[in-house]
């Protein structure tokens, strides 16, 4: 996919990524490293939890959703980072064997008033599972280069 600069984005533009299936081993490995709660680490303990079984860390789902969009290359030549994430919501558990994909929508495009070579694009991310159920959503304020003149 061709790089999009700030000037190329239009409110309402949508991007859909390919999918990725999470395995039990990946869920446990991530949890061991970054979110060691029993319902992410131990299938037996998770069965007794309110979730009734092993679930992925929300942080793993967030990172995966972001990765799937970034790998599309839409912002590969224009990204300058981000000042933050807003409105993060974990909507449903992600279980071993779930296949997630990202759907990203442009909410706002705002050129900088002080630095004419850049601006902010606010994008709403949603991760959906193989049944089309939204499992998380968040908004990223992307700092992007403007199209070179």
N, C-alpha and C. Protein backbone atom coordinates (compact mmCIF):
# COMPACT_ATOMS: atom_id res chain seq x y z
N UNK A 1 0.85 -1.18 0.00
CA UNK A 1 0.00 0.00 0.00
C UNK A 1 0.89 1.24 0.00
N UNK A 2 0.48 2.26 -0.71
CA UNK A 2 1.24 3.50 -0.76
C UNK A 2 1.11 4.28 0.54
N UNK A 3 2.21 4.94 0.91
CA UNK A 3 2.20 5.79 2.09
C UNK A 3 1.20 6.92 1.92
N UNK A 4 0.47 7.18 2.98
CA UNK A 4 -0.43 8.32 3.02
C UNK A 4 0.19 9.37 3.94
N UNK A 5 0.23 10.59 3.43
CA UNK A 5 0.66 11.72 4.24
C UNK A 5 -0.59 12.36 4.83
N UNK A 6 -0.40 13.28 5.76
CA UNK A 6 -1.53 13.95 6.40
C UNK A 6 -2.51 14.48 5.36
N UNK A 7 -1.98 15.10 4.31
CA UNK A 7 -2.82 15.73 3.29
C UNK A 7 -3.63 14.73 2.46
N UNK A 8 -3.23 13.47 2.50
CA UNK A 8 -3.91 12.45 1.71
C UNK A 8 -5.10 11.84 2.45
N UNK A 9 -5.17 12.05 3.75
CA UNK A 9 -6.22 11.44 4.55
C UNK A 9 -7.48 12.30 4.54
N UNK A 10 -8.61 11.64 4.45
CA UNK A 10 -9.91 12.30 4.44
C UNK A 10 -10.75 11.69 5.55
N UNK A 11 -11.42 12.55 6.32
CA UNK A 11 -12.29 12.05 7.37
C UNK A 11 -13.26 11.04 6.75
N UNK A 12 -13.35 9.88 7.39
CA UNK A 12 -14.20 8.80 6.89
C UNK A 12 -13.44 7.72 6.16
N UNK A 13 -12.20 8.00 5.74
CA UNK A 13 -11.38 6.94 5.12
C UNK A 13 -11.31 5.76 6.08
N UNK A 14 -11.33 4.54 5.50
CA UNK A 14 -11.27 3.32 6.32
C UNK A 14 -10.20 2.39 5.75
N UNK A 15 -9.55 1.70 6.66
CA UNK A 15 -8.52 0.74 6.30
C UNK A 15 -8.79 -0.55 7.07
N UNK A 16 -8.69 -1.68 6.39
CA UNK A 16 -8.94 -2.98 7.00
C UNK A 16 -7.70 -3.84 6.80
N UNK A 17 -7.23 -4.43 7.89
CA UNK A 17 -6.01 -5.24 7.84
C UNK A 17 -6.36 -6.71 7.59
N UNK A 18 -5.32 -7.46 7.36
CA UNK A 18 -5.45 -8.91 7.37
C UNK A 18 -5.61 -9.38 8.80
N UNK A 19 -5.81 -10.67 8.97
CA UNK A 19 -6.03 -11.21 10.30
C UNK A 19 -4.84 -11.98 10.84
N UNK A 20 -4.87 -12.21 12.14
CA UNK A 20 -3.84 -12.99 12.81
C UNK A 20 -4.51 -13.79 13.92
N UNK A 21 -4.18 -15.07 14.00
CA UNK A 21 -4.77 -15.95 15.00
C UNK A 21 -3.83 -16.09 16.19
N UNK A 22 -4.37 -15.87 17.39
CA UNK A 22 -3.60 -15.99 18.63
C UNK A 22 -3.66 -17.43 19.14
N UNK A 23 -2.50 -17.97 19.45
CA UNK A 23 -2.45 -19.31 20.03
C UNK A 23 -2.40 -19.22 21.55
N UNK A 24 -2.69 -20.34 22.20
CA UNK A 24 -2.59 -20.39 23.66
C UNK A 24 -1.16 -20.08 24.11
N UNK A 25 -0.18 -20.62 23.39
CA UNK A 25 1.22 -20.39 23.76
C UNK A 25 1.59 -18.91 23.66
N UNK A 26 1.11 -18.22 22.63
CA UNK A 26 1.40 -16.78 22.49
C UNK A 26 0.76 -15.98 23.62
N UNK A 27 -0.45 -16.35 23.98
CA UNK A 27 -1.15 -15.65 25.06
C UNK A 27 -0.40 -15.83 26.38
N UNK A 28 0.00 -17.04 26.68
CA UNK A 28 0.71 -17.32 27.93
C UNK A 28 2.08 -16.65 27.93
N UNK A 29 2.79 -16.71 26.80
CA UNK A 29 4.11 -16.07 26.72
C UNK A 29 4.01 -14.57 26.96
N UNK A 30 3.06 -13.90 26.33
CA UNK A 30 2.89 -12.46 26.53
C UNK A 30 2.56 -12.17 27.99
N UNK A 31 1.65 -12.94 28.55
CA UNK A 31 1.25 -12.73 29.94
C UNK A 31 2.42 -12.92 30.90
N UNK A 32 3.21 -13.95 30.66
CA UNK A 32 4.38 -14.21 31.51
C UNK A 32 5.31 -13.01 31.51
N UNK A 33 5.49 -12.40 30.34
CA UNK A 33 6.41 -11.28 30.20
C UNK A 33 5.84 -9.95 30.69
N UNK A 34 4.53 -9.71 30.44
CA UNK A 34 4.02 -8.35 30.60
C UNK A 34 2.74 -8.20 31.43
N UNK A 35 1.98 -9.26 31.63
CA UNK A 35 0.70 -9.13 32.34
C UNK A 35 0.40 -10.44 33.07
N UNK A 36 1.18 -10.73 34.13
CA UNK A 36 1.10 -12.05 34.75
C UNK A 36 -0.10 -12.24 35.69
N UNK A 37 -1.27 -12.16 35.14
CA UNK A 37 -2.48 -12.46 35.90
C UNK A 37 -2.91 -13.89 35.56
N UNK A 38 -3.48 -14.58 36.54
CA UNK A 38 -3.75 -16.01 36.39
C UNK A 38 -4.65 -16.34 35.21
N UNK A 39 -5.62 -15.49 34.88
CA UNK A 39 -6.52 -15.80 33.77
C UNK A 39 -5.87 -15.61 32.41
N UNK A 40 -4.62 -15.07 32.39
CA UNK A 40 -3.83 -15.00 31.16
C UNK A 40 -2.76 -16.09 31.11
N UNK A 41 -2.40 -16.62 32.28
CA UNK A 41 -1.25 -17.52 32.40
C UNK A 41 -1.58 -18.99 32.55
N UNK A 42 -2.68 -19.29 33.21
CA UNK A 42 -2.93 -20.65 33.68
C UNK A 42 -4.34 -21.09 33.28
N UNK A 43 -4.43 -22.05 32.37
CA UNK A 43 -5.74 -22.49 31.86
C UNK A 43 -6.63 -23.04 32.97
N UNK A 44 -6.05 -23.72 33.95
CA UNK A 44 -6.85 -24.29 35.04
C UNK A 44 -7.41 -23.17 35.91
N UNK A 45 -6.57 -22.23 36.32
CA UNK A 45 -7.03 -21.09 37.11
C UNK A 45 -8.01 -20.24 36.31
N UNK A 46 -7.75 -20.06 35.03
CA UNK A 46 -8.63 -19.24 34.17
C UNK A 46 -10.02 -19.85 34.07
N UNK A 47 -10.10 -21.18 34.11
CA UNK A 47 -11.41 -21.85 34.04
C UNK A 47 -12.27 -21.49 35.25
N UNK A 48 -11.64 -21.17 36.36
CA UNK A 48 -12.36 -20.80 37.58
C UNK A 48 -12.59 -19.29 37.68
N UNK A 49 -12.06 -18.54 36.74
CA UNK A 49 -12.20 -17.07 36.75
C UNK A 49 -13.56 -16.66 36.18
N UNK A 50 -13.91 -15.40 36.27
CA UNK A 50 -15.16 -14.92 35.66
C UNK A 50 -15.21 -15.13 34.14
N UNK A 51 -14.04 -15.36 33.52
CA UNK A 51 -13.98 -15.53 32.06
C UNK A 51 -14.21 -16.97 31.64
N UNK A 52 -14.14 -17.91 32.56
CA UNK A 52 -14.41 -19.30 32.24
C UNK A 52 -13.36 -19.96 31.37
N UNK A 53 -12.21 -19.34 31.23
CA UNK A 53 -11.14 -19.91 30.43
C UNK A 53 -10.06 -18.87 30.17
N UNK A 54 -8.98 -19.33 29.58
CA UNK A 54 -7.84 -18.47 29.29
C UNK A 54 -8.23 -17.34 28.34
N UNK A 55 -7.76 -16.13 28.64
CA UNK A 55 -7.98 -14.99 27.74
C UNK A 55 -6.66 -14.24 27.55
N UNK A 56 -6.55 -13.56 26.43
CA UNK A 56 -5.37 -12.74 26.14
C UNK A 56 -5.41 -11.47 26.97
N UNK A 57 -4.24 -10.98 27.29
CA UNK A 57 -4.13 -9.67 27.93
C UNK A 57 -4.70 -8.62 26.98
N UNK A 58 -5.40 -7.66 27.54
CA UNK A 58 -5.89 -6.55 26.72
C UNK A 58 -4.75 -5.80 26.06
N UNK A 59 -3.59 -5.73 26.75
CA UNK A 59 -2.44 -5.05 26.18
C UNK A 59 -1.90 -5.80 24.96
N UNK A 60 -1.99 -7.12 24.98
CA UNK A 60 -1.59 -7.91 23.82
C UNK A 60 -2.52 -7.64 22.65
N UNK A 61 -3.82 -7.59 22.94
CA UNK A 61 -4.80 -7.32 21.88
C UNK A 61 -4.60 -5.92 21.30
N UNK A 62 -4.31 -4.96 22.17
CA UNK A 62 -4.04 -3.59 21.73
C UNK A 62 -2.83 -3.55 20.80
N UNK A 63 -1.73 -4.16 21.24
CA UNK A 63 -0.50 -4.16 20.44
C UNK A 63 -0.72 -4.87 19.10
N UNK A 64 -1.46 -5.96 19.13
CA UNK A 64 -1.72 -6.71 17.90
C UNK A 64 -2.56 -5.88 16.93
N UNK A 65 -3.60 -5.25 17.43
CA UNK A 65 -4.45 -4.41 16.58
C UNK A 65 -3.63 -3.29 15.92
N UNK A 66 -2.80 -2.64 16.71
CA UNK A 66 -1.95 -1.57 16.20
C UNK A 66 -0.98 -2.12 15.14
N UNK A 67 -0.33 -3.23 15.46
CA UNK A 67 0.63 -3.85 14.53
C UNK A 67 -0.01 -4.18 13.19
N UNK A 68 -1.21 -4.77 13.22
CA UNK A 68 -1.85 -5.18 11.98
C UNK A 68 -2.10 -3.99 11.05
N UNK A 69 -2.47 -2.85 11.62
CA UNK A 69 -2.66 -1.65 10.79
C UNK A 69 -1.31 -1.12 10.31
N UNK A 70 -0.35 -0.98 11.21
CA UNK A 70 0.94 -0.40 10.84
C UNK A 70 1.62 -1.25 9.77
N UNK A 71 1.48 -2.57 9.83
CA UNK A 71 2.09 -3.45 8.83
C UNK A 71 1.53 -3.23 7.43
N UNK A 72 0.33 -2.65 7.33
CA UNK A 72 -0.22 -2.35 6.01
C UNK A 72 0.61 -1.31 5.27
N UNK A 73 1.41 -0.52 5.99
CA UNK A 73 2.29 0.46 5.36
C UNK A 73 1.63 1.79 5.05
N UNK A 74 0.40 1.98 5.48
CA UNK A 74 -0.33 3.22 5.16
C UNK A 74 0.44 4.45 5.62
N UNK A 75 1.06 4.37 6.80
CA UNK A 75 1.76 5.53 7.36
C UNK A 75 3.28 5.35 7.36
N UNK A 76 3.78 4.39 6.60
CA UNK A 76 5.20 4.02 6.65
C UNK A 76 6.14 5.20 6.39
N UNK A 77 5.81 6.06 5.47
CA UNK A 77 6.70 7.17 5.14
C UNK A 77 6.32 8.48 5.78
N UNK A 78 5.27 8.49 6.57
CA UNK A 78 4.81 9.76 7.12
C UNK A 78 4.74 9.82 8.64
N UNK A 79 4.79 8.67 9.30
CA UNK A 79 4.63 8.65 10.75
C UNK A 79 5.80 9.31 11.47
N UNK A 80 5.45 10.15 12.44
CA UNK A 80 6.44 10.80 13.30
C UNK A 80 6.16 10.45 14.77
N UNK A 81 5.40 9.39 15.00
CA UNK A 81 5.06 8.99 16.36
C UNK A 81 3.66 9.42 16.73
N UNK A 82 3.43 9.51 18.04
CA UNK A 82 2.10 9.83 18.53
C UNK A 82 2.19 10.47 19.90
N UNK A 83 1.37 11.50 20.14
CA UNK A 83 1.33 12.07 21.48
C UNK A 83 0.43 11.29 22.44
N UNK A 84 -0.33 10.29 21.93
CA UNK A 84 -1.11 9.51 22.88
C UNK A 84 -2.27 8.75 22.30
N UNK A 85 -2.88 7.97 23.19
CA UNK A 85 -4.05 7.15 22.88
C UNK A 85 -5.20 7.61 23.76
N UNK A 86 -6.37 7.70 23.20
CA UNK A 86 -7.57 8.10 23.94
C UNK A 86 -8.63 7.01 23.84
N UNK A 87 -9.52 7.02 24.80
CA UNK A 87 -10.75 6.21 24.77
C UNK A 87 -10.51 4.72 24.57
N UNK A 88 -9.48 4.19 25.20
CA UNK A 88 -9.20 2.75 25.11
C UNK A 88 -10.28 1.98 25.86
N UNK A 89 -10.88 1.02 25.15
CA UNK A 89 -11.92 0.18 25.74
C UNK A 89 -11.68 -1.27 25.33
N UNK A 90 -11.66 -2.16 26.33
CA UNK A 90 -11.64 -3.59 26.07
C UNK A 90 -13.09 -4.05 26.11
N UNK A 91 -13.59 -4.53 25.00
CA UNK A 91 -15.03 -4.78 24.84
C UNK A 91 -15.43 -6.24 25.03
N UNK A 92 -14.52 -7.16 24.73
CA UNK A 92 -14.82 -8.58 24.85
C UNK A 92 -13.51 -9.34 24.99
N UNK A 93 -13.54 -10.49 25.68
CA UNK A 93 -12.31 -11.27 25.83
C UNK A 93 -11.84 -11.85 24.50
N UNK A 94 -10.53 -11.98 24.39
CA UNK A 94 -9.89 -12.64 23.25
C UNK A 94 -9.35 -13.97 23.76
N UNK A 95 -9.74 -15.04 23.09
CA UNK A 95 -9.40 -16.39 23.54
C UNK A 95 -8.44 -17.07 22.57
N UNK A 96 -7.75 -18.11 23.03
CA UNK A 96 -6.89 -18.86 22.12
C UNK A 96 -7.70 -19.33 20.91
N UNK A 97 -7.10 -19.17 19.73
CA UNK A 97 -7.77 -19.55 18.50
C UNK A 97 -8.55 -18.42 17.84
N UNK A 98 -8.75 -17.31 18.55
CA UNK A 98 -9.42 -16.16 17.93
C UNK A 98 -8.51 -15.52 16.89
N UNK A 99 -9.11 -15.13 15.79
CA UNK A 99 -8.41 -14.42 14.72
C UNK A 99 -8.87 -12.98 14.74
N UNK A 100 -7.93 -12.07 14.96
CA UNK A 100 -8.25 -10.64 15.02
C UNK A 100 -7.80 -9.94 13.75
N UNK A 101 -8.56 -8.93 13.37
CA UNK A 101 -8.13 -8.00 12.33
C UNK A 101 -8.49 -6.60 12.79
N UNK A 102 -7.86 -5.61 12.17
CA UNK A 102 -8.07 -4.21 12.54
C UNK A 102 -8.90 -3.50 11.49
N UNK A 103 -9.78 -2.64 11.97
CA UNK A 103 -10.50 -1.70 11.12
C UNK A 103 -10.21 -0.32 11.68
N UNK A 104 -9.69 0.55 10.82
CA UNK A 104 -9.24 1.87 11.25
C UNK A 104 -9.96 2.93 10.43
N UNK A 105 -10.48 3.94 11.12
CA UNK A 105 -11.22 5.01 10.46
C UNK A 105 -10.61 6.36 10.81
N UNK A 106 -10.46 7.23 9.81
CA UNK A 106 -9.96 8.58 10.02
C UNK A 106 -11.08 9.43 10.61
N UNK A 107 -10.84 9.99 11.80
CA UNK A 107 -11.83 10.83 12.48
C UNK A 107 -11.58 12.31 12.27
N UNK A 108 -10.29 12.70 12.21
CA UNK A 108 -9.94 14.12 12.14
C UNK A 108 -8.58 14.27 11.49
N UNK A 109 -8.41 15.31 10.70
CA UNK A 109 -7.13 15.65 10.09
C UNK A 109 -6.89 17.14 10.37
N UNK A 110 -5.79 17.44 11.09
CA UNK A 110 -5.56 18.82 11.51
C UNK A 110 -4.09 19.21 11.27
N UNK A 111 -3.83 20.04 10.26
CA UNK A 111 -2.46 20.53 10.07
C UNK A 111 -2.02 21.36 11.29
N UNK A 112 -0.74 21.30 11.59
CA UNK A 112 -0.19 22.08 12.69
C UNK A 112 -0.21 23.57 12.33
N UNK A 113 -0.54 24.41 13.30
CA UNK A 113 -0.52 25.86 13.05
C UNK A 113 0.87 26.44 13.26
N UNK A 114 1.75 25.71 13.95
CA UNK A 114 3.09 26.23 14.23
C UNK A 114 4.19 25.55 13.41
N UNK A 115 3.92 24.33 12.92
CA UNK A 115 4.93 23.60 12.14
C UNK A 115 4.27 23.11 10.85
N UNK A 116 4.45 23.84 9.75
CA UNK A 116 3.71 23.56 8.52
C UNK A 116 4.04 22.24 7.84
N UNK A 117 5.09 21.54 8.30
CA UNK A 117 5.48 20.28 7.66
C UNK A 117 4.77 19.07 8.26
N UNK A 118 3.84 19.29 9.22
CA UNK A 118 3.23 18.16 9.92
C UNK A 118 1.84 18.51 10.44
N UNK A 119 1.23 17.51 11.03
CA UNK A 119 -0.07 17.71 11.65
C UNK A 119 -0.50 16.45 12.38
N UNK A 120 -1.72 16.46 12.88
CA UNK A 120 -2.27 15.34 13.65
C UNK A 120 -3.46 14.74 12.91
N UNK A 121 -3.45 13.43 12.79
CA UNK A 121 -4.62 12.70 12.30
C UNK A 121 -5.09 11.81 13.44
N UNK A 122 -6.35 11.94 13.79
CA UNK A 122 -6.93 11.08 14.83
C UNK A 122 -7.62 9.91 14.13
N UNK A 123 -7.19 8.70 14.49
CA UNK A 123 -7.72 7.48 13.87
C UNK A 123 -8.35 6.60 14.94
N UNK A 124 -9.56 6.11 14.65
CA UNK A 124 -10.22 5.16 15.55
C UNK A 124 -9.88 3.74 15.11
N UNK A 125 -9.31 2.98 16.01
CA UNK A 125 -8.96 1.58 15.78
C UNK A 125 -10.03 0.71 16.41
N UNK A 126 -10.38 -0.35 15.70
CA UNK A 126 -11.21 -1.41 16.28
C UNK A 126 -10.55 -2.73 15.92
N UNK A 127 -10.52 -3.64 16.91
CA UNK A 127 -10.09 -5.01 16.64
C UNK A 127 -11.34 -5.86 16.66
N UNK A 128 -11.50 -6.66 15.62
CA UNK A 128 -12.65 -7.55 15.52
C UNK A 128 -12.17 -8.98 15.43
N UNK A 129 -12.95 -9.88 16.01
CA UNK A 129 -12.60 -11.31 15.94
C UNK A 129 -13.21 -11.94 14.69
N UNK A 130 -13.04 -13.24 14.56
CA UNK A 130 -13.49 -13.97 13.37
C UNK A 130 -15.01 -13.97 13.22
N UNK A 131 -15.73 -13.63 14.26
CA UNK A 131 -17.20 -13.55 14.19
C UNK A 131 -17.68 -12.12 13.92
N UNK A 132 -16.73 -11.20 13.72
CA UNK A 132 -17.09 -9.81 13.47
C UNK A 132 -17.42 -9.03 14.72
N UNK A 133 -17.12 -9.60 15.89
CA UNK A 133 -17.39 -8.93 17.17
C UNK A 133 -16.22 -8.00 17.51
N UNK A 134 -16.53 -6.77 17.88
CA UNK A 134 -15.48 -5.84 18.31
C UNK A 134 -14.98 -6.28 19.69
N UNK A 135 -13.67 -6.43 19.82
CA UNK A 135 -13.09 -6.84 21.09
C UNK A 135 -12.36 -5.69 21.78
N UNK A 136 -11.99 -4.65 21.04
CA UNK A 136 -11.42 -3.46 21.66
C UNK A 136 -11.50 -2.30 20.69
N UNK A 137 -11.41 -1.10 21.24
CA UNK A 137 -11.37 0.10 20.42
C UNK A 137 -10.54 1.15 21.13
N UNK A 138 -9.93 2.03 20.34
CA UNK A 138 -9.14 3.13 20.89
C UNK A 138 -8.91 4.14 19.78
N UNK A 139 -8.52 5.34 20.17
CA UNK A 139 -8.23 6.41 19.21
C UNK A 139 -6.78 6.82 19.39
N UNK A 140 -6.04 6.84 18.28
CA UNK A 140 -4.64 7.28 18.31
C UNK A 140 -4.54 8.62 17.60
N UNK A 141 -3.83 9.55 18.22
CA UNK A 141 -3.48 10.81 17.58
C UNK A 141 -2.12 10.60 16.93
N UNK A 142 -2.11 10.42 15.61
CA UNK A 142 -0.87 10.19 14.88
C UNK A 142 -0.27 11.52 14.45
N UNK A 143 0.99 11.72 14.76
CA UNK A 143 1.74 12.87 14.26
C UNK A 143 2.30 12.46 12.90
N UNK A 144 1.86 13.15 11.85
CA UNK A 144 2.22 12.76 10.48
C UNK A 144 2.85 13.90 9.72
N UNK A 145 3.76 13.54 8.82
CA UNK A 145 4.34 14.52 7.90
C UNK A 145 3.28 14.91 6.88
N UNK A 146 3.39 16.15 6.42
CA UNK A 146 2.55 16.58 5.30
C UNK A 146 3.26 16.19 4.00
N UNK A 147 2.49 16.13 2.94
CA UNK A 147 3.06 15.76 1.64
C UNK A 147 4.13 16.76 1.24
N UNK A 148 5.33 16.28 0.87
CA UNK A 148 6.39 17.21 0.44
C UNK A 148 5.94 18.01 -0.79
N UNK A 149 6.35 19.25 -0.82
CA UNK A 149 5.97 20.11 -1.97
C UNK A 149 6.98 20.05 -3.07
